[in-house]
C-alpha atoms as a PDB file:
ATOM      1  CA  MET A   1      -7.692  10.168   1.068  1.00  0.00           C
ATOM      2  CA  ILE A   2      -7.030  12.237  -2.033  1.00  0.00           C
ATOM      3  CA  GLU A   3      -3.472  13.459  -2.380  1.00  0.00           C
ATOM      4  CA  PRO A   4      -2.841  16.446  -4.649  1.00  0.00           C
ATOM      5  CA  GLY A   5      -0.563  15.672  -7.544  1.00  0.00           C
ATOM      6  CA  ILE A   6      -1.217  11.917  -7.593  1.00  0.00           C
ATOM      7  CA  ASP A   7      -2.425  10.459 -10.867  1.00  0.00           C
ATOM      8  CA  TRP A   8      -4.987   7.903  -9.688  1.00  0.00           C
ATOM      9  CA  THR A   9      -5.536   6.699 -13.253  1.00  0.00           C
ATOM     10  CA  THR A  10      -2.214   4.844 -12.970  1.00  0.00           C
ATOM     11  CA  VAL A  11      -3.414   2.809  -9.964  1.00  0.00           C
ATOM     12  CA  PRO A  12      -5.194  -0.395 -11.019  1.00  0.00           C
ATOM     13  CA  PHE A  13      -8.399  -1.120  -9.124  1.00  0.00           C
ATOM     14  CA  ARG A  14     -10.473  -4.293  -8.886  1.00  0.00           C
ATOM     15  CA  LYS A  15     -13.999  -4.694  -7.588  1.00  0.00           C
ATOM     16  CA  SER A  16     -14.518  -6.580  -4.334  1.00  0.00           C
ATOM     17  CA  SER A  17     -15.567 -10.201  -4.673  1.00  0.00           C
ATOM     18  CA  PHE A  18     -18.427  -9.375  -2.266  1.00  0.00           C
ATOM     19  CA  SER A  19     -20.014  -6.949  -4.754  1.00  0.00           C
ATOM     20  CA  ASP A  20     -23.321  -7.916  -6.287  1.00  0.00           C
ATOM     21  CA  THR A  21     -24.612  -7.208  -9.800  1.00  0.00           C
ATOM     22  CA  ASN A  22     -26.800  -4.240  -8.784  1.00  0.00           C
ATOM     23  CA  GLY A  23     -23.860  -2.194  -7.512  1.00  0.00           C
ATOM     24  CA  GLY A  24     -24.420  -2.777  -3.810  1.00  0.00           C
ATOM     25  CA  GLN A  25     -21.637  -2.915  -1.215  1.00  0.00           C
ATOM     26  CA  CYS A  26     -18.766  -2.455  -3.667  1.00  0.00           C
ATOM     27  CA  VAL A  27     -15.225  -1.679  -2.683  1.00  0.00           C
ATOM     28  CA  GLU A  28     -12.432  -1.159  -5.150  1.00  0.00           C
ATOM     29  CA  ILE A  29      -8.941  -2.052  -4.061  1.00  0.00           C
ATOM     30  CA  GLY A  30      -6.062  -0.174  -5.622  1.00  0.00           C
ATOM     31  CA  TRP A  31      -3.211  -2.242  -4.219  1.00  0.00           C
ATOM     32  CA  ALA A  32      -4.590  -5.658  -5.122  1.00  0.00           C
ATOM     33  CA  ASP A  33      -1.978  -6.380  -7.784  1.00  0.00           C
ATOM     34  CA  ALA A  34       0.936  -4.671  -6.054  1.00  0.00           C
ATOM     35  CA  THR A  35       4.018  -6.672  -5.179  1.00  0.00           C
ATOM     36  CA  PHE A  36       4.935  -5.980  -1.569  1.00  0.00           C
ATOM     37  CA  ARG A  37       8.454  -6.573  -0.355  1.00  0.00           C
ATOM     38  CA  LYS A  38       9.252  -7.344   3.264  1.00  0.00           C
ATOM     39  CA  SER A  39      11.689  -5.155   5.154  1.00  0.00           C
ATOM     40  CA  SER A  40      15.285  -6.343   5.013  1.00  0.00           C
ATOM     41  CA  PHE A  41      15.285  -6.044   8.818  1.00  0.00           C
ATOM     42  CA  SER A  42      12.529  -8.680   9.166  1.00  0.00           C
ATOM     43  CA  GLN A  43      13.262 -11.814  11.121  1.00  0.00           C
ATOM     44  CA  THR A  44      11.803 -15.276  10.578  1.00  0.00           C
ATOM     45  CA  ASN A  45      10.176 -15.214  14.035  1.00  0.00           C
ATOM     46  CA  GLY A  46       7.429 -12.789  12.927  1.00  0.00           C
ATOM     47  CA  GLY A  47       8.791  -9.734  14.707  1.00  0.00           C
ATOM     48  CA  GLU A  48       7.917  -6.126  14.023  1.00  0.00           C
ATOM     49  CA  CYS A  49       7.930  -6.121  10.217  1.00  0.00           C
ATOM     50  CA  VAL A  50       6.546  -3.946   7.469  1.00  0.00           C
ATOM     51  CA  GLU A  51       6.062  -4.557   3.774  1.00  0.00           C
ATOM     52  CA  VAL A  52       6.390  -1.873   1.126  1.00  0.00           C
ATOM     53  CA  ALA A  53       5.083  -1.592  -2.437  1.00  0.00           C
ATOM     54  CA  HIS A  54       5.746   1.185  -4.920  1.00  0.00           C
ATOM     55  CA  ARG A  55       3.480   2.854  -7.467  1.00  0.00           C
ATOM     56  CA  THR A  56       4.407   5.736  -9.755  1.00  0.00           C
ATOM     57  CA  ASP A  57       3.481   8.462  -7.249  1.00  0.00           C
ATOM     58  CA  LEU A  58       2.680   6.416  -4.143  1.00  0.00           C
ATOM     59  CA  VAL A  59       4.245   4.070  -1.633  1.00  0.00           C
ATOM     60  CA  GLY A  60       2.085   1.593   0.273  1.00  0.00           C
ATOM     61  CA  VAL A  61       3.181   0.359   3.695  1.00  0.00           C
ATOM     62  CA  ARG A  62       1.456  -2.467   5.573  1.00  0.00           C
ATOM     63  CA  ASP A  63       1.994  -4.771   8.545  1.00  0.00           C
ATOM     64  CA  SER A  64       3.495  -8.052   7.325  1.00  0.00           C
ATOM     65  CA  LYS A  65       1.778  -9.983  10.139  1.00  0.00           C
ATOM     66  CA  SER A  66      -1.649  -8.689   9.097  1.00  0.00           C
ATOM     67  CA  PRO A  67      -1.487  -7.608   5.437  1.00  0.00           C
ATOM     68  CA  THR A  68      -5.260  -7.360   4.978  1.00  0.00           C
ATOM     69  CA  SER A  69      -5.865  -5.126   8.006  1.00  0.00           C
ATOM     70  CA  GLY A  70      -4.970  -1.852   6.326  1.00  0.00           C
ATOM     71  CA  LEU A  71      -2.471   0.125   4.385  1.00  0.00           C
ATOM     72  CA  LEU A  72      -0.720   3.453   4.799  1.00  0.00           C
ATOM     73  CA  GLU A  73      -0.413   5.342   1.499  1.00  0.00           C
ATOM     74  CA  LEU A  74       2.257   7.993   1.200  1.00  0.00           C
ATOM     75  CA  PRO A  75       3.336  10.204  -1.666  1.00  0.00           C
ATOM     76  CA  THR A  76       6.700   8.987  -2.975  1.00  0.00           C
ATOM     77  CA  THR A  77       8.302  12.303  -2.003  1.00  0.00           C
ATOM     78  CA  SER A  78       7.227  11.828   1.639  1.00  0.00           C
ATOM     79  CA  TRP A  79       8.514   8.235   1.709  1.00  0.00           C
ATOM     80  CA  THR A  80      11.850   9.357   0.280  1.00  0.00           C
ATOM     81  CA  ALA A  81      12.158  12.123   2.887  1.00  0.00           C
ATOM     82  CA  PHE A  82      11.277   9.616   5.658  1.00  0.00           C
ATOM     83  CA  THR A  83      13.805   6.972   4.587  1.00  0.00           C
ATOM     84  CA  THR A  84      16.505   9.617   4.004  1.00  0.00           C
ATOM     85  CA  ALA A  85      15.980  10.952   7.534  1.00  0.00           C
ATOM     86  CA  LEU A  86      16.295   7.414   8.943  1.00  0.00           C
ATOM     87  CA  GLN A  87      19.646   6.975   7.227  1.00  0.00           C
ATOM     88  CA  ALA A  88      21.020  10.282   8.501  1.00  0.00           C
END
């Protein structure tokens, strides 16, 4: 997904460890070095938890029980509007 107004040059990428030297089956991961923080509402029993990481123009949200299964990327402005609405 390409979001208008996001500077992707600020997002560090790394090549998948499954890539070979001829360029086959490569995937670059832009959140590999991000520090995710677990929701303050998380319990120790593994309940419904999310983890959040911030980039300059993006926020990444993932399931803390399955962190490698996917990631939701949101523009920072959308995340701010979402969390502000929750607090209202």
